[in-house]
Amino acid sequence: MRKILESLGDLTGKTVAITGTSGGLGYELCRYLVMKGATVLQMDRNPERQQKTAEKIKAEGIKSDIIAININIDKNIFILHSLYF
């Protein structure tokens, strides 16, 4: 997977949507794409974890452009909240 990501080059001006960015592979993918210049739409049902992910990436000194989209599913109604970190 690393070779595929490295072959992408500069992602400045590109927007990528990722689910599950609060841990594991989703977090590492989010981190890598932000380092390459992409704007990441971080989609999760837990806004606290989203914020921690954004703060953790920024704490590493990575200039991050992350937009968190909170997706709450309740009785087939999708509620979207967008926060810009």
C-alpha atoms as a PDB file:
ATOM      1  CA  MET A   1       0.000   0.000   0.000  1.00  0.00           C
ATOM      2  CA  ARG A   2       2.901   2.352   0.775  1.00  0.00           C
ATOM      3  CA  LYS A   3       4.113   2.148  -2.825  1.00  0.00           C
ATOM      4  CA  ILE A   4       0.663   3.066  -4.107  1.00  0.00           C
ATOM      5  CA  LEU A   5       0.434   6.059  -1.766  1.00  0.00           C
ATOM      6  CA  GLU A   6       3.946   7.223  -2.622  1.00  0.00           C
ATOM      7  CA  SER A   7       3.095   7.091  -6.327  1.00  0.00           C
ATOM      8  CA  LEU A   8       0.298   9.647  -5.819  1.00  0.00           C
ATOM      9  CA  GLY A   9       2.698  12.579  -5.650  1.00  0.00           C
ATOM     10  CA  ASP A  10       1.567  16.008  -4.456  1.00  0.00           C
ATOM     11  CA  LEU A  11      -2.125  16.082  -3.502  1.00  0.00           C
ATOM     12  CA  THR A  12      -2.440  19.823  -2.965  1.00  0.00           C
ATOM     13  CA  GLY A  13      -5.879  20.952  -4.142  1.00  0.00           C
ATOM     14  CA  LYS A  14      -7.329  17.432  -3.915  1.00  0.00           C
ATOM     15  CA  THR A  15     -10.057  16.410  -1.457  1.00  0.00           C
ATOM     16  CA  VAL A  16     -10.277  12.893  -0.039  1.00  0.00           C
ATOM     17  CA  ALA A  17     -13.122  11.405   2.056  1.00  0.00           C
ATOM     18  CA  ILE A  18     -12.089   8.795   4.638  1.00  0.00           C
ATOM     19  CA  THR A  19     -14.146   6.918   7.215  1.00  0.00           C
ATOM     20  CA  GLY A  20     -12.711   5.491  10.413  1.00  0.00           C
ATOM     21  CA  THR A  21      -9.900   8.025  10.789  1.00  0.00           C
ATOM     22  CA  SER A  22      -9.789   7.834  14.570  1.00  0.00           C
ATOM     23  CA  GLY A  23      -7.550   4.786  14.609  1.00  0.00           C
ATOM     24  CA  GLY A  24      -5.616   2.129  12.752  1.00  0.00           C
ATOM     25  CA  LEU A  25      -5.416   2.187   8.985  1.00  0.00           C
ATOM     26  CA  GLY A  26      -7.909   5.048   8.614  1.00  0.00           C
ATOM     27  CA  TYR A  27      -5.817   7.267  10.891  1.00  0.00           C
ATOM     28  CA  GLU A  28      -2.549   6.456   9.112  1.00  0.00           C
ATOM     29  CA  LEU A  29      -4.168   7.051   5.721  1.00  0.00           C
ATOM     30  CA  CYS A  30      -5.573  10.392   6.915  1.00  0.00           C
ATOM     31  CA  ARG A  31      -2.162  11.400   8.293  1.00  0.00           C
ATOM     32  CA  TYR A  32      -0.308  10.438   5.122  1.00  0.00           C
ATOM     33  CA  LEU A  33      -2.728  12.152   2.748  1.00  0.00           C
ATOM     34  CA  VAL A  34      -2.645  15.360   4.799  1.00  0.00           C
ATOM     35  CA  MET A  35       1.169  15.260   4.674  1.00  0.00           C
ATOM     36  CA  LYS A  36       0.906  15.021   0.873  1.00  0.00           C
ATOM     37  CA  GLY A  37      -1.237  18.186   0.820  1.00  0.00           C
ATOM     38  CA  ALA A  38      -4.753  16.771   0.505  1.00  0.00           C
ATOM     39  CA  THR A  39      -7.801  18.162   2.251  1.00  0.00           C
ATOM     40  CA  VAL A  40      -9.273  15.249   4.191  1.00  0.00           C
ATOM     41  CA  LEU A  41     -12.987  14.870   4.893  1.00  0.00           C
ATOM     42  CA  GLN A  42     -12.901  12.863   8.094  1.00  0.00           C
ATOM     43  CA  MET A  43     -16.177  10.934   8.495  1.00  0.00           C
ATOM     44  CA  ASP A  44     -17.096   9.286  11.770  1.00  0.00           C
ATOM     45  CA  ARG A  45     -19.940   8.943  14.259  1.00  0.00           C
ATOM     46  CA  ASN A  46     -17.838  10.146  17.184  1.00  0.00           C
ATOM     47  CA  PRO A  47     -16.914  13.857  17.053  1.00  0.00           C
ATOM     48  CA  GLU A  48     -14.631  13.598  20.104  1.00  0.00           C
ATOM     49  CA  ARG A  49     -12.433  11.003  18.380  1.00  0.00           C
ATOM     50  CA  GLN A  50     -12.405  13.082  15.200  1.00  0.00           C
ATOM     51  CA  GLN A  51     -11.142  16.090  17.101  1.00  0.00           C
ATOM     52  CA  LYS A  52      -8.470  14.020  18.858  1.00  0.00           C
ATOM     53  CA  THR A  53      -7.299  12.702  15.493  1.00  0.00           C
ATOM     54  CA  ALA A  54      -6.984  16.219  14.064  1.00  0.00           C
ATOM     55  CA  GLU A  55      -5.194  17.451  17.195  1.00  0.00           C
ATOM     56  CA  LYS A  56      -2.798  14.478  17.161  1.00  0.00           C
ATOM     57  CA  ILE A  57      -1.850  15.141  13.536  1.00  0.00           C
ATOM     58  CA  LYS A  58      -1.328  18.853  14.227  1.00  0.00           C
ATOM     59  CA  ALA A  59       0.755  18.021  17.332  1.00  0.00           C
ATOM     60  CA  GLU A  60       3.161  16.153  15.049  1.00  0.00           C
ATOM     61  CA  GLY A  61       3.795  19.444  13.288  1.00  0.00           C
ATOM     62  CA  ILE A  62       1.963  18.380  10.140  1.00  0.00           C
ATOM     63  CA  LYS A  63       0.152  21.260   8.445  1.00  0.00           C
ATOM     64  CA  SER A  64      -3.302  19.763   8.350  1.00  0.00           C
ATOM     65  CA  ASP A  65      -6.403  20.631   6.393  1.00  0.00           C
ATOM     66  CA  ILE A  66      -8.984  18.311   7.947  1.00  0.00           C
ATOM     67  CA  ILE A  67     -12.743  18.736   7.854  1.00  0.00           C
ATOM     68  CA  ALA A  68     -14.608  16.491  10.284  1.00  0.00           C
ATOM     69  CA  ILE A  69     -18.051  15.317   9.265  1.00  0.00           C
ATOM     70  CA  ASN A  70     -20.025  13.788  12.107  1.00  0.00           C
ATOM     71  CA  ILE A  71     -22.412  11.168  10.781  1.00  0.00           C
ATOM     72  CA  ASN A  72     -25.035  10.182  13.337  1.00  0.00           C
ATOM     73  CA  ILE A  73     -27.474   7.515  12.223  1.00  0.00           C
ATOM     74  CA  ASP A  74     -30.712   7.515  14.184  1.00  0.00           C
ATOM     75  CA  LYS A  75     -33.932   6.052  12.830  1.00  0.00           C
ATOM     76  CA  ASN A  76     -32.720   6.330   9.236  1.00  0.00           C
ATOM     77  CA  ILE A  77     -32.023  10.045   9.595  1.00  0.00           C
ATOM     78  CA  PHE A  78     -28.546  11.266   8.790  1.00  0.00           C
ATOM     79  CA  ILE A  79     -27.405  14.321  10.704  1.00  0.00           C
ATOM     80  CA  LEU A  80     -24.291  15.948   9.324  1.00  0.00           C
ATOM     81  CA  HIS A  81     -22.216  18.371  11.345  1.00  0.00           C
ATOM     82  CA  SER A  82     -19.139  19.861   9.758  1.00  0.00           C
ATOM     83  CA  LEU A  83     -16.245  21.184  11.816  1.00  0.00           C
ATOM     84  CA  TYR A  84     -13.109  22.696  10.372  1.00  0.00           C
ATOM     85  CA  PHE A  85      -9.905  21.912  12.267  1.00  0.00           C
END
